[in-house]
Amino acid sequence: MDPDIPATAVALRINGVPGTLLLDNRTTLLDALRERLGLTGPKKGCDHGQCGACTVLVDGRRMNACLLLAVTLGGAEVTTVEGLADGDELHPLQQAFIDHDAFQCGFCTSGQLCSAIGALAEAADGWPSHATPPGEAPSLSDAEVRERMSGNLCRCAAYPNIVGAVREVAG
């Protein structure tokens, strides 16, 4: 690291593993994950927070890693697609994506999975979306799932299968 560039030690828990990284203060979480830790599940799609390919969970909430400066996340728990499975046992959403053929090229899949986990948690916590009727609890209908997942683009247009996979896990 260039000694003339300000750097900060950042303590993070990534996929359950605690660690500290010395990072240039301008480093995004996405670049820290991909370039410093070799976690290539989160993808650099647009690098502007518009496609969702970089979506990860930060303290259980879905966020675009390309928009987050890593130095602002000291002490946070970050979960990437690599941290979803429990050993050889896939996360229920990962299995549902397979069962519903909810991916084709796979580029967006890691972001879709992390976003879906976050969306399900938001709905379970009673957070309404634009599709939630006023005064009602989220029902996770097709329209509700589509709205909640609208920040994640799929170049292959596997949207109906993604909705089916998310609804299956939602129950």
N, C-alpha and C. Protein backbone atom coordinates (compact mmCIF):
# COMPACT_ATOMS: atom_id res chain seq x y z
N MET A 1 0.85 -1.17 0.00
CA MET A 1 0.00 0.00 0.00
C MET A 1 0.90 1.24 0.00
N ASP A 2 0.55 2.21 -0.79
CA ASP A 2 1.30 3.46 -0.90
C ASP A 2 1.25 4.20 0.43
N PRO A 3 2.42 4.55 1.02
CA PRO A 3 2.42 5.22 2.33
C PRO A 3 1.81 6.63 2.29
N ASP A 4 1.68 7.21 1.11
CA ASP A 4 1.09 8.55 1.00
C ASP A 4 -0.43 8.52 0.95
N ILE A 5 -1.02 7.35 0.83
CA ILE A 5 -2.48 7.22 0.77
C ILE A 5 -2.99 6.86 2.16
N PRO A 6 -3.93 7.65 2.69
CA PRO A 6 -4.46 7.33 4.03
C PRO A 6 -5.08 5.94 4.07
N ALA A 7 -4.76 5.20 5.11
CA ALA A 7 -5.30 3.86 5.28
C ALA A 7 -5.83 3.71 6.70
N THR A 8 -6.80 2.82 6.82
CA THR A 8 -7.44 2.58 8.10
C THR A 8 -7.57 1.08 8.32
N ALA A 9 -7.34 0.65 9.55
CA ALA A 9 -7.57 -0.74 9.92
C ALA A 9 -9.06 -0.90 10.20
N VAL A 10 -9.69 -1.84 9.51
CA VAL A 10 -11.12 -2.05 9.63
C VAL A 10 -11.36 -3.49 10.10
N ALA A 11 -12.02 -3.61 11.25
CA ALA A 11 -12.37 -4.93 11.79
C ALA A 11 -13.76 -5.29 11.27
N LEU A 12 -13.84 -6.41 10.58
CA LEU A 12 -15.10 -6.90 10.03
C LEU A 12 -15.24 -8.38 10.35
N ARG A 13 -16.46 -8.83 10.34
CA ARG A 13 -16.74 -10.28 10.43
C ARG A 13 -17.34 -10.64 9.09
N ILE A 14 -16.59 -11.38 8.28
CA ILE A 14 -17.02 -11.72 6.93
C ILE A 14 -17.38 -13.21 6.90
N ASN A 15 -18.65 -13.49 6.58
CA ASN A 15 -19.13 -14.88 6.53
C ASN A 15 -18.78 -15.64 7.81
N GLY A 16 -18.92 -14.94 8.93
CA GLY A 16 -18.70 -15.56 10.23
C GLY A 16 -17.27 -15.58 10.72
N VAL A 17 -16.34 -15.09 9.90
CA VAL A 17 -14.92 -15.12 10.26
C VAL A 17 -14.45 -13.70 10.57
N PRO A 18 -13.99 -13.47 11.82
CA PRO A 18 -13.51 -12.12 12.16
C PRO A 18 -12.14 -11.86 11.55
N GLY A 19 -11.90 -10.61 11.22
CA GLY A 19 -10.60 -10.23 10.68
C GLY A 19 -10.47 -8.72 10.61
N THR A 20 -9.26 -8.28 10.36
CA THR A 20 -8.98 -6.86 10.23
C THR A 20 -8.23 -6.64 8.93
N LEU A 21 -8.67 -5.63 8.19
CA LEU A 21 -8.04 -5.28 6.92
C LEU A 21 -7.50 -3.86 7.02
N LEU A 22 -6.30 -3.64 6.48
CA LEU A 22 -5.75 -2.30 6.35
C LEU A 22 -6.13 -1.83 4.95
N LEU A 23 -7.01 -0.83 4.89
CA LEU A 23 -7.59 -0.42 3.61
C LEU A 23 -7.40 1.06 3.33
N ASP A 24 -7.18 1.36 2.07
CA ASP A 24 -7.25 2.73 1.58
C ASP A 24 -8.64 3.23 1.95
N ASN A 25 -8.75 4.43 2.45
CA ASN A 25 -10.03 4.96 2.91
C ASN A 25 -11.08 5.04 1.81
N ARG A 26 -10.67 4.97 0.56
CA ARG A 26 -11.61 5.06 -0.57
C ARG A 26 -12.09 3.69 -1.07
N THR A 27 -11.65 2.62 -0.44
CA THR A 27 -11.97 1.27 -0.88
C THR A 27 -13.43 0.94 -0.58
N THR A 28 -14.13 0.50 -1.61
CA THR A 28 -15.51 0.06 -1.39
C THR A 28 -15.50 -1.32 -0.77
N LEU A 29 -16.60 -1.67 -0.14
CA LEU A 29 -16.74 -3.01 0.40
C LEU A 29 -16.59 -4.04 -0.71
N LEU A 30 -17.16 -3.77 -1.88
CA LEU A 30 -17.06 -4.71 -3.00
C LEU A 30 -15.60 -4.96 -3.37
N ASP A 31 -14.81 -3.91 -3.49
CA ASP A 31 -13.41 -4.09 -3.85
C ASP A 31 -12.64 -4.80 -2.75
N ALA A 32 -12.94 -4.51 -1.49
CA ALA A 32 -12.28 -5.22 -0.39
C ALA A 32 -12.59 -6.71 -0.44
N LEU A 33 -13.86 -7.03 -0.67
CA LEU A 33 -14.26 -8.44 -0.73
C LEU A 33 -13.59 -9.16 -1.90
N ARG A 34 -13.66 -8.57 -3.07
CA ARG A 34 -13.16 -9.23 -4.28
C ARG A 34 -11.64 -9.21 -4.37
N GLU A 35 -11.04 -8.04 -4.16
CA GLU A 35 -9.62 -7.88 -4.43
C GLU A 35 -8.72 -8.23 -3.24
N ARG A 36 -9.20 -8.01 -2.03
CA ARG A 36 -8.38 -8.28 -0.86
C ARG A 36 -8.66 -9.65 -0.25
N LEU A 37 -9.92 -10.11 -0.34
CA LEU A 37 -10.28 -11.37 0.31
C LEU A 37 -10.56 -12.50 -0.67
N GLY A 38 -10.61 -12.21 -1.97
CA GLY A 38 -10.85 -13.26 -2.96
C GLY A 38 -12.26 -13.79 -2.97
N LEU A 39 -13.20 -13.05 -2.41
CA LEU A 39 -14.61 -13.46 -2.42
C LEU A 39 -15.26 -12.87 -3.68
N THR A 40 -15.33 -13.69 -4.70
CA THR A 40 -15.78 -13.19 -6.00
C THR A 40 -17.25 -13.45 -6.28
N GLY A 41 -18.00 -13.90 -5.27
CA GLY A 41 -19.44 -14.07 -5.44
C GLY A 41 -20.12 -12.76 -5.77
N PRO A 42 -19.93 -11.72 -4.94
CA PRO A 42 -20.51 -10.42 -5.29
C PRO A 42 -19.84 -9.90 -6.56
N LYS A 43 -20.63 -9.53 -7.54
CA LYS A 43 -20.10 -9.12 -8.84
C LYS A 43 -20.06 -7.60 -8.98
N LYS A 44 -19.10 -7.13 -9.75
CA LYS A 44 -19.04 -5.71 -10.10
C LYS A 44 -19.75 -5.59 -11.44
N GLY A 45 -21.03 -5.24 -11.37
CA GLY A 45 -21.81 -5.10 -12.59
C GLY A 45 -21.73 -3.68 -13.12
N CYS A 46 -22.41 -2.78 -12.47
CA CYS A 46 -22.47 -1.39 -12.94
C CYS A 46 -21.55 -0.47 -12.15
N ASP A 47 -21.19 -0.86 -10.92
CA ASP A 47 -20.38 -0.06 -10.01
C ASP A 47 -21.04 1.29 -9.67
N HIS A 48 -22.37 1.34 -9.81
CA HIS A 48 -23.13 2.56 -9.50
C HIS A 48 -24.37 2.27 -8.66
N GLY A 49 -24.52 1.05 -8.15
CA GLY A 49 -25.67 0.71 -7.32
C GLY A 49 -26.97 0.56 -8.08
N GLN A 50 -26.89 0.30 -9.38
CA GLN A 50 -28.10 0.23 -10.20
C GLN A 50 -28.51 -1.18 -10.60
N CYS A 51 -27.60 -2.16 -10.49
CA CYS A 51 -27.93 -3.49 -11.01
C CYS A 51 -28.15 -4.53 -9.92
N GLY A 52 -27.57 -4.35 -8.74
CA GLY A 52 -27.76 -5.29 -7.64
C GLY A 52 -26.86 -6.50 -7.66
N ALA A 53 -25.96 -6.63 -8.65
CA ALA A 53 -25.09 -7.80 -8.72
C ALA A 53 -24.14 -7.90 -7.53
N CYS A 54 -23.90 -6.79 -6.86
CA CYS A 54 -22.97 -6.75 -5.73
C CYS A 54 -23.67 -6.86 -4.38
N THR A 55 -24.96 -7.15 -4.36
CA THR A 55 -25.72 -7.15 -3.11
C THR A 55 -25.15 -8.16 -2.12
N VAL A 56 -24.93 -7.69 -0.90
CA VAL A 56 -24.50 -8.53 0.22
C VAL A 56 -25.38 -8.17 1.41
N LEU A 57 -25.25 -8.92 2.48
CA LEU A 57 -25.97 -8.61 3.71
C LEU A 57 -24.99 -7.99 4.70
N VAL A 58 -25.34 -6.83 5.21
CA VAL A 58 -24.54 -6.15 6.24
C VAL A 58 -25.41 -6.08 7.48
N ASP A 59 -24.98 -6.77 8.51
CA ASP A 59 -25.76 -6.89 9.73
C ASP A 59 -27.19 -7.33 9.42
N GLY A 60 -27.32 -8.25 8.47
CA GLY A 60 -28.60 -8.85 8.13
C GLY A 60 -29.44 -8.07 7.14
N ARG A 61 -29.01 -6.88 6.74
CA ARG A 61 -29.78 -6.06 5.79
C ARG A 61 -29.05 -6.03 4.46
N ARG A 62 -29.80 -6.09 3.38
CA ARG A 62 -29.20 -6.11 2.05
C ARG A 62 -28.71 -4.72 1.66
N MET A 63 -27.53 -4.73 1.08
CA MET A 63 -26.91 -3.48 0.66
C MET A 63 -26.07 -3.71 -0.58
N ASN A 64 -25.92 -2.64 -1.37
CA ASN A 64 -25.06 -2.70 -2.55
C ASN A 64 -23.63 -2.44 -2.11
N ALA A 65 -22.78 -3.46 -2.20
CA ALA A 65 -21.40 -3.35 -1.73
C ALA A 65 -20.59 -2.35 -2.53
N CYS A 66 -20.99 -2.05 -3.76
CA CYS A 66 -20.24 -1.08 -4.57
C CYS A 66 -20.43 0.34 -4.09
N LEU A 67 -21.44 0.59 -3.27
CA LEU A 67 -21.72 1.94 -2.78
C LEU A 67 -21.24 2.18 -1.35
N LEU A 68 -20.74 1.16 -0.69
CA LEU A 68 -20.34 1.27 0.71
C LEU A 68 -18.83 1.40 0.84
N LEU A 69 -18.38 2.44 1.52
CA LEU A 69 -16.96 2.52 1.84
C LEU A 69 -16.69 1.56 2.99
N ALA A 70 -15.74 0.68 2.80
CA ALA A 70 -15.45 -0.36 3.79
C ALA A 70 -15.09 0.23 5.15
N VAL A 71 -14.43 1.38 5.18
CA VAL A 71 -14.00 1.96 6.45
C VAL A 71 -15.18 2.41 7.31
N THR A 72 -16.35 2.54 6.74
CA THR A 72 -17.53 2.95 7.52
C THR A 72 -18.21 1.77 8.20
N LEU A 73 -17.72 0.57 7.96
CA LEU A 73 -18.41 -0.64 8.42
C LEU A 73 -17.71 -1.34 9.58
N GLY A 74 -16.81 -0.66 10.26
CA GLY A 74 -16.08 -1.29 11.36
C GLY A 74 -17.00 -2.01 12.32
N GLY A 75 -16.71 -3.27 12.59
CA GLY A 75 -17.49 -4.07 13.51
C GLY A 75 -18.70 -4.75 12.89
N ALA A 76 -18.95 -4.52 11.61
CA ALA A 76 -20.14 -5.09 10.96
C ALA A 76 -19.96 -6.56 10.62
N GLU A 77 -21.09 -7.25 10.53
CA GLU A 77 -21.15 -8.64 10.05
C GLU A 77 -21.56 -8.57 8.59
N VAL A 78 -20.69 -9.05 7.71
CA VAL A 78 -20.96 -9.04 6.27
C VAL A 78 -21.13 -10.48 5.81
N THR A 79 -22.23 -10.75 5.10
CA THR A 79 -22.46 -12.07 4.55
C THR A 79 -22.56 -11.96 3.04
N THR A 80 -21.74 -12.75 2.37
CA THR A 80 -21.78 -12.84 0.91
C THR A 80 -22.40 -14.18 0.55
N VAL A 81 -22.59 -14.42 -0.73
CA VAL A 81 -23.16 -15.69 -1.17
C VAL A 81 -22.30 -16.86 -0.70
N GLU A 82 -21.00 -16.63 -0.57
CA GLU A 82 -20.11 -17.71 -0.11
C GLU A 82 -20.42 -18.13 1.32
N GLY A 83 -21.08 -17.28 2.08
CA GLY A 83 -21.38 -17.59 3.48
C GLY A 83 -22.79 -18.08 3.73
N LEU A 84 -23.56 -18.33 2.68
CA LEU A 84 -24.96 -18.74 2.88
C LEU A 84 -25.13 -20.21 3.22
N ALA A 85 -24.37 -21.06 2.58
CA ALA A 85 -24.50 -22.50 2.81
C ALA A 85 -23.92 -22.86 4.17
N ASP A 86 -24.39 -23.94 4.73
CA ASP A 86 -23.87 -24.47 5.99
C ASP A 86 -23.11 -25.74 5.65
N GLY A 87 -21.82 -25.59 5.37
CA GLY A 87 -21.03 -26.72 4.90
C GLY A 87 -21.51 -27.14 3.53
N ASP A 88 -21.90 -28.41 3.42
CA ASP A 88 -22.40 -28.92 2.15
C ASP A 88 -23.90 -28.72 1.99
N GLU A 89 -24.56 -28.22 3.04
CA GLU A 89 -26.01 -28.01 2.98
C GLU A 89 -26.31 -26.60 2.49
N LEU A 90 -26.97 -26.53 1.34
CA LEU A 90 -27.30 -25.23 0.75
C LEU A 90 -28.32 -24.48 1.60
N HIS A 91 -28.27 -23.16 1.54
CA HIS A 91 -29.31 -22.33 2.13
C HIS A 91 -30.60 -22.66 1.39
N PRO A 92 -31.76 -22.63 2.06
CA PRO A 92 -33.02 -22.94 1.39
C PRO A 92 -33.25 -22.14 0.10
N LEU A 93 -32.83 -20.88 0.07
CA LEU A 93 -33.00 -20.10 -1.16
C LEU A 93 -32.09 -20.60 -2.27
N GLN A 94 -30.88 -21.00 -1.94
CA GLN A 94 -29.99 -21.56 -2.96
C GLN A 94 -30.62 -22.81 -3.57
N GLN A 95 -31.18 -23.67 -2.73
CA GLN A 95 -31.83 -24.88 -3.23
C GLN A 95 -33.05 -24.54 -4.07
N ALA A 96 -33.83 -23.56 -3.62
CA ALA A 96 -35.02 -23.15 -4.37
C ALA A 96 -34.64 -22.56 -5.73
N PHE A 97 -33.53 -21.82 -5.80
CA PHE A 97 -33.08 -21.28 -7.09
C PHE A 97 -32.74 -22.43 -8.04
N ILE A 98 -32.13 -23.47 -7.52
CA ILE A 98 -31.82 -24.65 -8.35
C ILE A 98 -33.12 -25.33 -8.78
N ASP A 99 -34.00 -25.58 -7.83
CA ASP A 99 -35.25 -26.28 -8.10
C ASP A 99 -36.13 -25.55 -9.10
N HIS A 100 -36.09 -24.21 -9.06
CA HIS A 100 -36.95 -23.40 -9.93
C HIS A 100 -36.23 -22.92 -11.20
N ASP A 101 -34.99 -23.37 -11.38
CA ASP A 101 -34.19 -22.93 -12.53
C ASP A 101 -34.19 -21.40 -12.59
N ALA A 102 -33.88 -20.78 -11.45
CA ALA A 102 -33.99 -19.33 -11.29
C ALA A 102 -32.72 -18.59 -11.69
N PHE A 103 -31.90 -19.21 -12.50
CA PHE A 103 -30.72 -18.52 -13.01
C PHE A 103 -30.35 -19.16 -14.34
N GLN A 104 -29.69 -18.39 -15.17
CA GLN A 104 -29.21 -18.92 -16.44
C GLN A 104 -27.70 -18.72 -16.52
N CYS A 105 -27.26 -17.48 -16.79
CA CYS A 105 -25.81 -17.26 -16.87
C CYS A 105 -25.17 -17.24 -15.48
N GLY A 106 -25.93 -16.89 -14.44
CA GLY A 106 -25.45 -16.89 -13.07
C GLY A 106 -24.79 -15.62 -12.61
N PHE A 107 -24.59 -14.65 -13.48
CA PHE A 107 -23.89 -13.43 -13.09
C PHE A 107 -24.59 -12.72 -11.95
N CYS A 108 -25.90 -12.62 -12.00
CA CYS A 108 -26.65 -11.88 -10.99
C CYS A 108 -27.04 -12.73 -9.79
N THR A 109 -26.83 -14.02 -9.85
CA THR A 109 -27.39 -14.95 -8.87
C THR A 109 -26.96 -14.65 -7.44
N SER A 110 -25.69 -14.34 -7.22
CA SER A 110 -25.26 -14.08 -5.84
C SER A 110 -25.96 -12.86 -5.26
N GLY A 111 -26.10 -11.82 -6.05
CA GLY A 111 -26.83 -10.63 -5.59
C GLY A 111 -28.31 -10.91 -5.41
N GLN A 112 -28.88 -11.70 -6.32
CA GLN A 112 -30.30 -12.06 -6.20
C GLN A 112 -30.54 -12.83 -4.90
N LEU A 113 -29.66 -13.78 -4.60
CA LEU A 113 -29.83 -14.58 -3.39
C LEU A 113 -29.73 -13.73 -2.12
N CYS A 114 -28.71 -12.90 -2.04
CA CYS A 114 -28.56 -12.05 -0.85
C CYS A 114 -29.72 -11.06 -0.74
N SER A 115 -30.15 -10.53 -1.88
CA SER A 115 -31.27 -9.59 -1.85
C SER A 115 -32.55 -10.30 -1.41
N ALA A 116 -32.77 -11.51 -1.89
CA ALA A 116 -33.97 -12.26 -1.52
C ALA A 116 -33.99 -12.56 -0.02
N ILE A 117 -32.84 -12.91 0.54
CA ILE A 117 -32.77 -13.15 1.98
C ILE A 117 -33.12 -11.88 2.74
N GLY A 118 -32.57 -10.76 2.29
CA GLY A 118 -32.89 -9.48 2.92
C GLY A 118 -34.35 -9.11 2.76
N ALA A 119 -34.90 -9.36 1.57
CA ALA A 119 -36.31 -9.03 1.31
C ALA A 119 -37.24 -9.86 2.19
N LEU A 120 -36.93 -11.13 2.36
CA LEU A 120 -37.75 -11.98 3.22
C LEU A 120 -37.68 -11.50 4.67
N ALA A 121 -36.51 -11.08 5.11
CA ALA A 121 -36.37 -10.57 6.48
C ALA A 121 -37.15 -9.27 6.66
N GLU A 122 -37.10 -8.40 5.65
CA GLU A 122 -37.85 -7.14 5.72
C GLU A 122 -39.34 -7.40 5.81
N ALA A 123 -39.83 -8.33 4.99
CA ALA A 123 -41.26 -8.66 5.00
C ALA A 123 -41.65 -9.28 6.35
N ALA A 124 -40.79 -10.17 6.87
CA ALA A 124 -41.07 -10.80 8.17
C ALA A 124 -41.10 -9.76 9.29
N ASP A 125 -40.32 -8.69 9.14
CA ASP A 125 -40.31 -7.62 10.13
C ASP A 125 -41.46 -6.63 9.93
N GLY A 126 -42.29 -6.88 8.89
CA GLY A 126 -43.46 -6.04 8.65
C GLY A 126 -43.19 -4.79 7.84
N TRP A 127 -42.01 -4.69 7.22
CA TRP A 127 -41.70 -3.52 6.41
C TRP A 127 -42.53 -3.57 5.13
N PRO A 128 -43.35 -2.57 4.88
CA PRO A 128 -44.12 -2.56 3.64
C PRO A 128 -43.25 -2.18 2.44
N SER A 129 -43.69 -2.58 1.27
CA SER A 129 -43.05 -2.14 0.03
C SER A 129 -44.08 -1.29 -0.72
N HIS A 130 -43.70 -0.80 -1.87
CA HIS A 130 -44.63 -0.02 -2.69
C HIS A 130 -45.85 -0.87 -3.08
N ALA A 131 -45.66 -2.18 -3.16
CA ALA A 131 -46.76 -3.07 -3.57
C ALA A 131 -47.65 -3.51 -2.41
N THR A 132 -47.27 -3.19 -1.18
CA THR A 132 -48.06 -3.57 -0.02
C THR A 132 -49.28 -2.65 0.07
N PRO A 133 -50.48 -3.22 0.08
CA PRO A 133 -51.68 -2.36 0.23
C PRO A 133 -51.62 -1.58 1.55
N PRO A 134 -52.05 -0.32 1.53
CA PRO A 134 -52.01 0.50 2.75
C PRO A 134 -52.73 -0.18 3.91
N GLY A 135 -52.08 -0.16 5.06
CA GLY A 135 -52.67 -0.72 6.27
C GLY A 135 -52.59 -2.23 6.39
N GLU A 136 -51.99 -2.90 5.41
CA GLU A 136 -51.89 -4.37 5.44
C GLU A 136 -50.45 -4.80 5.68
N ALA A 137 -50.31 -6.00 6.18
CA ALA A 137 -48.98 -6.60 6.34
C ALA A 137 -48.53 -7.14 4.98
N PRO A 138 -47.23 -7.18 4.73
CA PRO A 138 -46.75 -7.75 3.47
C PRO A 138 -47.20 -9.20 3.31
N SER A 139 -47.70 -9.55 2.11
CA SER A 139 -48.21 -10.90 1.87
C SER A 139 -47.29 -11.75 1.02
N LEU A 140 -46.28 -11.17 0.43
CA LEU A 140 -45.33 -11.82 -0.47
C LEU A 140 -46.03 -12.50 -1.65
N SER A 141 -46.98 -11.79 -2.23
CA SER A 141 -47.58 -12.20 -3.49
C SER A 141 -46.53 -12.04 -4.59
N ASP A 142 -46.85 -12.47 -5.80
CA ASP A 142 -45.92 -12.28 -6.91
C ASP A 142 -45.55 -10.81 -7.05
N ALA A 143 -46.55 -9.94 -6.98
CA ALA A 143 -46.31 -8.50 -7.14
C ALA A 143 -45.40 -7.98 -6.03
N GLU A 144 -45.62 -8.45 -4.83
CA GLU A 144 -44.82 -8.01 -3.69
C GLU A 144 -43.36 -8.45 -3.86
N VAL A 145 -43.15 -9.70 -4.25
CA VAL A 145 -41.79 -10.20 -4.45
C VAL A 145 -41.12 -9.45 -5.60
N ARG A 146 -41.84 -9.25 -6.70
CA ARG A 146 -41.26 -8.50 -7.83
C ARG A 146 -40.83 -7.10 -7.40
N GLU A 147 -41.67 -6.42 -6.63
CA GLU A 147 -41.33 -5.08 -6.16
C GLU A 147 -40.10 -5.11 -5.26
N ARG A 148 -40.06 -6.04 -4.33
CA ARG A 148 -38.95 -6.10 -3.39
C ARG A 148 -37.64 -6.48 -4.08
N MET A 149 -37.71 -7.22 -5.17
CA MET A 149 -36.52 -7.66 -5.89
C MET A 149 -36.18 -6.75 -7.06
N SER A 150 -36.90 -5.64 -7.21
CA SER A 150 -36.75 -4.80 -8.40
C SER A 150 -35.38 -4.13 -8.52
N GLY A 151 -34.62 -4.07 -7.46
CA GLY A 151 -33.28 -3.49 -7.53
C GLY A 151 -32.22 -4.44 -8.02
N ASN A 152 -32.61 -5.67 -8.34
CA ASN A 152 -31.67 -6.67 -8.83
C ASN A 152 -32.05 -7.05 -10.25
N LEU A 153 -31.19 -6.69 -11.18
CA LEU A 153 -31.45 -6.97 -12.59
C LEU A 153 -30.90 -8.32 -13.00
N CYS A 154 -31.60 -8.97 -13.93
CA CYS A 154 -31.18 -10.25 -14.48
C CYS A 154 -31.11 -10.08 -16.00
N ARG A 155 -29.93 -10.19 -16.55
CA ARG A 155 -29.75 -10.03 -17.99
C ARG A 155 -30.47 -11.12 -18.78
N CYS A 156 -30.66 -12.27 -18.17
CA CYS A 156 -31.29 -13.41 -18.85
C CYS A 156 -32.81 -13.42 -18.67
N ALA A 157 -33.33 -12.53 -17.87
CA ALA A 157 -34.78 -12.41 -17.63
C ALA A 157 -35.38 -13.66 -17.00
N ALA A 158 -34.72 -14.19 -15.97
CA ALA A 158 -35.23 -15.35 -15.24
C ALA A 158 -36.20 -14.93 -14.14
N TYR A 159 -36.76 -13.75 -14.26
CA TYR A 159 -37.60 -13.19 -13.19
C TYR A 159 -38.73 -14.09 -12.72
N PRO A 160 -39.53 -14.70 -13.60
CA PRO A 160 -40.63 -15.55 -13.10
C PRO A 160 -40.12 -16.69 -12.21
N ASN A 161 -38.98 -17.25 -12.56
CA ASN A 161 -38.43 -18.36 -11.79
C ASN A 161 -37.85 -17.87 -10.47
N ILE A 162 -37.27 -16.66 -10.48
CA ILE A 162 -36.76 -16.07 -9.24
C ILE A 162 -37.91 -15.81 -8.28
N VAL A 163 -38.98 -15.25 -8.80
CA VAL A 163 -40.18 -14.99 -7.97
C VAL A 163 -40.70 -16.29 -7.39
N GLY A 164 -40.77 -17.34 -8.19
CA GLY A 164 -41.24 -18.64 -7.72
C GLY A 164 -40.35 -19.20 -6.61
N ALA A 165 -39.04 -19.05 -6.77
CA ALA A 165 -38.10 -19.55 -5.76
C ALA A 165 -38.25 -18.79 -4.44
N VAL A 166 -38.38 -17.48 -4.53
CA VAL A 166 -38.51 -16.67 -3.33
C VAL A 166 -39.82 -16.98 -2.63
N ARG A 167 -40.88 -17.11 -3.41
CA ARG A 167 -42.20 -17.41 -2.80
C ARG A 167 -42.20 -18.79 -2.15
N GLU A 168 -41.53 -19.74 -2.74
CA GLU A 168 -41.47 -21.07 -2.14
C GLU A 168 -40.83 -21.01 -0.76
N VAL A 169 -39.71 -20.29 -0.65
CA VAL A 169 -39.02 -20.20 0.64
C VAL A 169 -39.84 -19.37 1.63
N ALA A 170 -40.55 -18.38 1.12
CA ALA A 170 -41.38 -17.55 2.00
C ALA A 170 -42.52 -18.34 2.61
N GLY A 171 -42.88 -19.44 1.95
CA GLY A 171 -43.94 -20.28 2.48
C GLY A 171 -45.27 -19.90 1.90
